[in-house]
């Protein structure tokens, strides 16, 4: 089921591509395949959905061609998640993803799962771009973006690492 969701999201992101964005808003529903023995979405499923939110920003933001050009891969190095409420099968939810901080080599994204207006899970994800087994600077990645696609990173707070 996840692979189907992934390719659907990739297709949708490529067709509906817009200017560089720091945020994503995706809507999903919980299937029985996403659930554990307690009949609520399991931890691994949350992480899979979070991956889709990050890929949506990566593709819609025009970063995929840059990553191919300079042979860099986005890699998650840390995830902190707070689960506030379980999601039973059949529940529709939204996943909001936004770039919140950019450092020298890492960037942080805030990801929020909501049902209606209620937050059911919230995460901070730290990632880097890897090339040849080493993290490259965010500046190096951005300088390879086309001029019309370069994001303005000035208003974003910088993380400690």
C-alpha atoms as a PDB file:
ATOM      1  CA  UNK A   1       0.000   0.000   0.000  1.00  0.00           C
ATOM      2  CA  UNK A   2       2.835   2.397   0.846  1.00  0.00           C
ATOM      3  CA  UNK A   3       4.478   2.033  -2.573  1.00  0.00           C
ATOM      4  CA  UNK A   4       1.182   2.898  -4.244  1.00  0.00           C
ATOM      5  CA  UNK A   5       0.856   6.004  -2.056  1.00  0.00           C
ATOM      6  CA  UNK A   6       4.464   6.942  -2.776  1.00  0.00           C
ATOM      7  CA  UNK A   7       4.136   6.759  -6.575  1.00  0.00           C
ATOM      8  CA  UNK A   8       0.774   8.540  -6.470  1.00  0.00           C
ATOM      9  CA  UNK A   9       2.358  11.359  -4.441  1.00  0.00           C
ATOM     10  CA  UNK A  10       5.366  11.544  -6.819  1.00  0.00           C
ATOM     11  CA  UNK A  11       3.076  11.763  -9.863  1.00  0.00           C
ATOM     12  CA  UNK A  12       0.869  14.369  -8.185  1.00  0.00           C
ATOM     13  CA  UNK A  13       3.905  16.416  -7.096  1.00  0.00           C
ATOM     14  CA  UNK A  14       5.380  16.367 -10.624  1.00  0.00           C
ATOM     15  CA  UNK A  15       2.093  17.292 -12.312  1.00  0.00           C
ATOM     16  CA  UNK A  16       1.117  19.918  -9.760  1.00  0.00           C
ATOM     17  CA  UNK A  17       4.629  21.381  -9.420  1.00  0.00           C
ATOM     18  CA  UNK A  18       4.662  24.927  -8.153  1.00  0.00           C
ATOM     19  CA  UNK A  19       7.343  27.407  -7.167  1.00  0.00           C
ATOM     20  CA  UNK A  20       9.829  26.616  -4.430  1.00  0.00           C
ATOM     21  CA  UNK A  21       7.967  25.830  -1.294  1.00  0.00           C
ATOM     22  CA  UNK A  22       8.893  25.276   2.306  1.00  0.00           C
ATOM     23  CA  UNK A  23       5.643  23.526   3.157  1.00  0.00           C
ATOM     24  CA  UNK A  24       3.453  20.631   2.133  1.00  0.00           C
ATOM     25  CA  UNK A  25      -0.138  19.720   2.962  1.00  0.00           C
ATOM     26  CA  UNK A  26      -1.154  16.135   2.179  1.00  0.00           C
ATOM     27  CA  UNK A  27      -4.347  14.241   2.992  1.00  0.00           C
ATOM     28  CA  UNK A  28      -4.463  10.500   3.698  1.00  0.00           C
ATOM     29  CA  UNK A  29      -6.594   7.885   5.408  1.00  0.00           C
ATOM     30  CA  UNK A  30      -5.573   5.043   7.702  1.00  0.00           C
ATOM     31  CA  UNK A  31      -5.954   1.577   6.158  1.00  0.00           C
ATOM     32  CA  UNK A  32      -5.966  -1.666   8.151  1.00  0.00           C
ATOM     33  CA  UNK A  33      -2.470  -2.299   6.709  1.00  0.00           C
ATOM     34  CA  UNK A  34      -1.216   0.798   8.574  1.00  0.00           C
ATOM     35  CA  UNK A  35      -2.384  -0.532  11.933  1.00  0.00           C
ATOM     36  CA  UNK A  36      -0.894  -2.667  14.667  1.00  0.00           C
ATOM     37  CA  UNK A  37      -2.560  -5.290  16.851  1.00  0.00           C
ATOM     38  CA  UNK A  38      -4.240  -2.521  18.886  1.00  0.00           C
ATOM     39  CA  UNK A  39      -6.069  -1.332  15.739  1.00  0.00           C
ATOM     40  CA  UNK A  40      -4.429   2.071  15.514  1.00  0.00           C
ATOM     41  CA  UNK A  41      -1.756   3.367  13.181  1.00  0.00           C
ATOM     42  CA  UNK A  42       1.621   1.950  14.178  1.00  0.00           C
ATOM     43  CA  UNK A  43       4.846   3.920  14.662  1.00  0.00           C
ATOM     44  CA  UNK A  44       6.398   2.760  11.379  1.00  0.00           C
ATOM     45  CA  UNK A  45       3.376   3.987   9.426  1.00  0.00           C
ATOM     46  CA  UNK A  46       3.750   7.473  10.904  1.00  0.00           C
ATOM     47  CA  UNK A  47       7.361   7.509   9.688  1.00  0.00           C
ATOM     48  CA  UNK A  48       6.320   6.344   6.211  1.00  0.00           C
ATOM     49  CA  UNK A  49       3.753   9.115   5.894  1.00  0.00           C
ATOM     50  CA  UNK A  50       6.327  11.642   7.117  1.00  0.00           C
ATOM     51  CA  UNK A  51       8.619  10.455   4.334  1.00  0.00           C
ATOM     52  CA  UNK A  52       5.889  11.287   1.796  1.00  0.00           C
ATOM     53  CA  UNK A  53       5.584  14.821   3.181  1.00  0.00           C
ATOM     54  CA  UNK A  54       9.322  15.387   2.851  1.00  0.00           C
ATOM     55  CA  UNK A  55       9.406  13.950  -0.691  1.00  0.00           C
ATOM     56  CA  UNK A  56       6.523  16.248  -1.646  1.00  0.00           C
ATOM     57  CA  UNK A  57       8.549  19.324  -0.656  1.00  0.00           C
ATOM     58  CA  UNK A  58      11.687  17.898  -2.279  1.00  0.00           C
ATOM     59  CA  UNK A  59       9.965  17.307  -5.630  1.00  0.00           C
ATOM     60  CA  UNK A  60       7.678  20.357  -5.724  1.00  0.00           C
ATOM     61  CA  UNK A  61      10.508  22.588  -4.565  1.00  0.00           C
ATOM     62  CA  UNK A  62      12.614  21.664  -7.601  1.00  0.00           C
ATOM     63  CA  UNK A  63      15.331  19.990  -5.531  1.00  0.00           C
ATOM     64  CA  UNK A  64      15.220  16.582  -7.248  1.00  0.00           C
ATOM     65  CA  UNK A  65      17.094  17.674 -10.431  1.00  0.00           C
ATOM     66  CA  UNK A  66      19.714  19.429  -8.283  1.00  0.00           C
ATOM     67  CA  UNK A  67      20.245  16.291  -6.196  1.00  0.00           C
ATOM     68  CA  UNK A  68      20.760  14.258  -9.390  1.00  0.00           C
ATOM     69  CA  UNK A  69      23.093  16.891 -10.840  1.00  0.00           C
ATOM     70  CA  UNK A  70      25.435  17.019  -7.846  1.00  0.00           C
ATOM     71  CA  UNK A  71      24.939  13.363  -6.789  1.00  0.00           C
ATOM     72  CA  UNK A  72      23.540  14.276  -3.362  1.00  0.00           C
ATOM     73  CA  UNK A  73      20.923  12.382  -1.378  1.00  0.00           C
ATOM     74  CA  UNK A  74      18.693  13.751   1.389  1.00  0.00           C
ATOM     75  CA  UNK A  75      19.162  11.628   4.521  1.00  0.00           C
ATOM     76  CA  UNK A  76      17.298  11.852   7.817  1.00  0.00           C
ATOM     77  CA  UNK A  77      19.678  11.844  10.763  1.00  0.00           C
ATOM     78  CA  UNK A  78      17.246  12.416  13.646  1.00  0.00           C
ATOM     79  CA  UNK A  79      13.516  12.228  14.329  1.00  0.00           C
ATOM     80  CA  UNK A  80      11.738  13.353  17.483  1.00  0.00           C
ATOM     81  CA  UNK A  81       8.036  12.514  17.515  1.00  0.00           C
ATOM     82  CA  UNK A  82       5.266  12.994  20.070  1.00  0.00           C
ATOM     83  CA  UNK A  83       2.182  10.811  19.700  1.00  0.00           C
ATOM     84  CA  UNK A  84      -0.844  12.503  21.214  1.00  0.00           C
ATOM     85  CA  UNK A  85      -3.738  10.299  20.046  1.00  0.00           C
ATOM     86  CA  UNK A  86      -4.134   6.997  18.192  1.00  0.00           C
ATOM     87  CA  UNK A  87      -5.531   6.869  14.652  1.00  0.00           C
ATOM     88  CA  UNK A  88      -7.929   3.956  14.051  1.00  0.00           C
ATOM     89  CA  UNK A  89      -8.535   2.441  10.590  1.00  0.00           C
ATOM     90  CA  UNK A  90     -10.693   4.577   8.299  1.00  0.00           C
ATOM     91  CA  UNK A  91      -9.589   7.875   9.858  1.00  0.00           C
ATOM     92  CA  UNK A  92      -8.835  10.690   7.427  1.00  0.00           C
ATOM     93  CA  UNK A  93      -5.933  12.888   8.470  1.00  0.00           C
ATOM     94  CA  UNK A  94      -3.699  15.623   7.095  1.00  0.00           C
ATOM     95  CA  UNK A  95       0.059  15.817   7.263  1.00  0.00           C
ATOM     96  CA  UNK A  96       1.564  19.286   7.257  1.00  0.00           C
ATOM     97  CA  UNK A  97       5.295  19.471   6.612  1.00  0.00           C
ATOM     98  CA  UNK A  98       7.370  22.635   6.726  1.00  0.00           C
ATOM     99  CA  UNK A  99      11.045  23.542   6.650  1.00  0.00           C
ATOM    100  CA  UNK A 100      11.637  25.290   9.954  1.00  0.00           C
ATOM    101  CA  UNK A 101      15.390  25.743  10.317  1.00  0.00           C
ATOM    102  CA  UNK A 102      18.505  25.631   8.172  1.00  0.00           C
ATOM    103  CA  UNK A 103      22.031  25.265   9.486  1.00  0.00           C
ATOM    104  CA  UNK A 104      25.399  24.953   7.804  1.00  0.00           C
ATOM    105  CA  UNK A 105      24.961  21.290   6.876  1.00  0.00           C
ATOM    106  CA  UNK A 106      21.583  20.292   8.303  1.00  0.00           C
ATOM    107  CA  UNK A 107      18.001  21.423   8.019  1.00  0.00           C
ATOM    108  CA  UNK A 108      14.980  20.760  10.192  1.00  0.00           C
ATOM    109  CA  UNK A 109      11.400  20.093   9.231  1.00  0.00           C
ATOM    110  CA  UNK A 110       8.317  20.233  11.416  1.00  0.00           C
ATOM    111  CA  UNK A 111       5.672  17.623  10.603  1.00  0.00           C
ATOM    112  CA  UNK A 112       2.187  17.636  12.117  1.00  0.00           C
ATOM    113  CA  UNK A 113      -0.554  15.004  11.808  1.00  0.00           C
ATOM    114  CA  UNK A 114      -4.051  16.443  12.263  1.00  0.00           C
ATOM    115  CA  UNK A 115      -7.582  15.102  12.353  1.00  0.00           C
ATOM    116  CA  UNK A 116      -9.853  18.055  11.812  1.00  0.00           C
ATOM    117  CA  UNK A 117      -8.067  20.809  13.692  1.00  0.00           C
ATOM    118  CA  UNK A 118      -6.722  18.489  16.401  1.00  0.00           C
ATOM    119  CA  UNK A 119      -3.020  17.594  16.428  1.00  0.00           C
ATOM    120  CA  UNK A 120      -2.599  13.823  16.875  1.00  0.00           C
ATOM    121  CA  UNK A 121       1.179  13.598  16.372  1.00  0.00           C
ATOM    122  CA  UNK A 122       3.995  16.084  15.938  1.00  0.00           C
ATOM    123  CA  UNK A 123       7.626  15.611  14.876  1.00  0.00           C
ATOM    124  CA  UNK A 124      10.869  17.467  14.288  1.00  0.00           C
ATOM    125  CA  UNK A 125      13.053  15.858  11.620  1.00  0.00           C
ATOM    126  CA  UNK A 126      16.714  16.760  11.073  1.00  0.00           C
ATOM    127  CA  UNK A 127      18.255  15.883   7.706  1.00  0.00           C
ATOM    128  CA  UNK A 128      21.402  16.467   5.653  1.00  0.00           C
ATOM    129  CA  UNK A 129      22.414  16.078   2.029  1.00  0.00           C
ATOM    130  CA  UNK A 130      25.003  13.298   1.618  1.00  0.00           C
ATOM    131  CA  UNK A 131      27.502  12.920  -1.214  1.00  0.00           C
ATOM    132  CA  UNK A 132      30.261  10.326  -1.142  1.00  0.00           C
ATOM    133  CA  UNK A 133      29.409   9.369   2.413  1.00  0.00           C
ATOM    134  CA  UNK A 134      29.765  12.915   3.790  1.00  0.00           C
ATOM    135  CA  UNK A 135      27.322  15.728   4.463  1.00  0.00           C
ATOM    136  CA  UNK A 136      27.609  18.672   2.087  1.00  0.00           C
ATOM    137  CA  UNK A 137      26.793  22.232   3.052  1.00  0.00           C
ATOM    138  CA  UNK A 138      23.308  23.549   2.426  1.00  0.00           C
ATOM    139  CA  UNK A 139      24.960  26.491   0.659  1.00  0.00           C
ATOM    140  CA  UNK A 140      26.566  24.129  -1.869  1.00  0.00           C
ATOM    141  CA  UNK A 141      23.212  22.498  -2.561  1.00  0.00           C
ATOM    142  CA  UNK A 142      21.397  25.818  -3.002  1.00  0.00           C
ATOM    143  CA  UNK A 143      24.066  27.352  -5.261  1.00  0.00           C
ATOM    144  CA  UNK A 144      23.314  24.561  -7.762  1.00  0.00           C
ATOM    145  CA  UNK A 145      19.623  25.447  -7.929  1.00  0.00           C
ATOM    146  CA  UNK A 146      18.360  27.548 -10.853  1.00  0.00           C
ATOM    147  CA  UNK A 147      18.145  31.267 -10.025  1.00  0.00           C
ATOM    148  CA  UNK A 148      14.344  31.322 -10.217  1.00  0.00           C
ATOM    149  CA  UNK A 149      14.107  28.350  -7.817  1.00  0.00           C
ATOM    150  CA  UNK A 150      16.551  29.417  -5.104  1.00  0.00           C
ATOM    151  CA  UNK A 151      14.770  29.752  -1.781  1.00  0.00           C
ATOM    152  CA  UNK A 152      15.374  32.676   0.491  1.00  0.00           C
ATOM    153  CA  UNK A 153      16.659  31.152   3.702  1.00  0.00           C
ATOM    154  CA  UNK A 154      17.238  34.336   5.660  1.00  0.00           C
ATOM    155  CA  UNK A 155      14.019  34.414   7.735  1.00  0.00           C
ATOM    156  CA  UNK A 156      14.511  30.838   8.941  1.00  0.00           C
ATOM    157  CA  UNK A 157      16.118  30.276  12.341  1.00  0.00           C
ATOM    158  CA  UNK A 158      19.310  28.256  12.260  1.00  0.00           C
ATOM    159  CA  UNK A 159      19.546  24.982  14.233  1.00  0.00           C
ATOM    160  CA  UNK A 160      22.345  24.381  16.732  1.00  0.00           C
ATOM    161  CA  UNK A 161      23.914  21.562  14.690  1.00  0.00           C
END
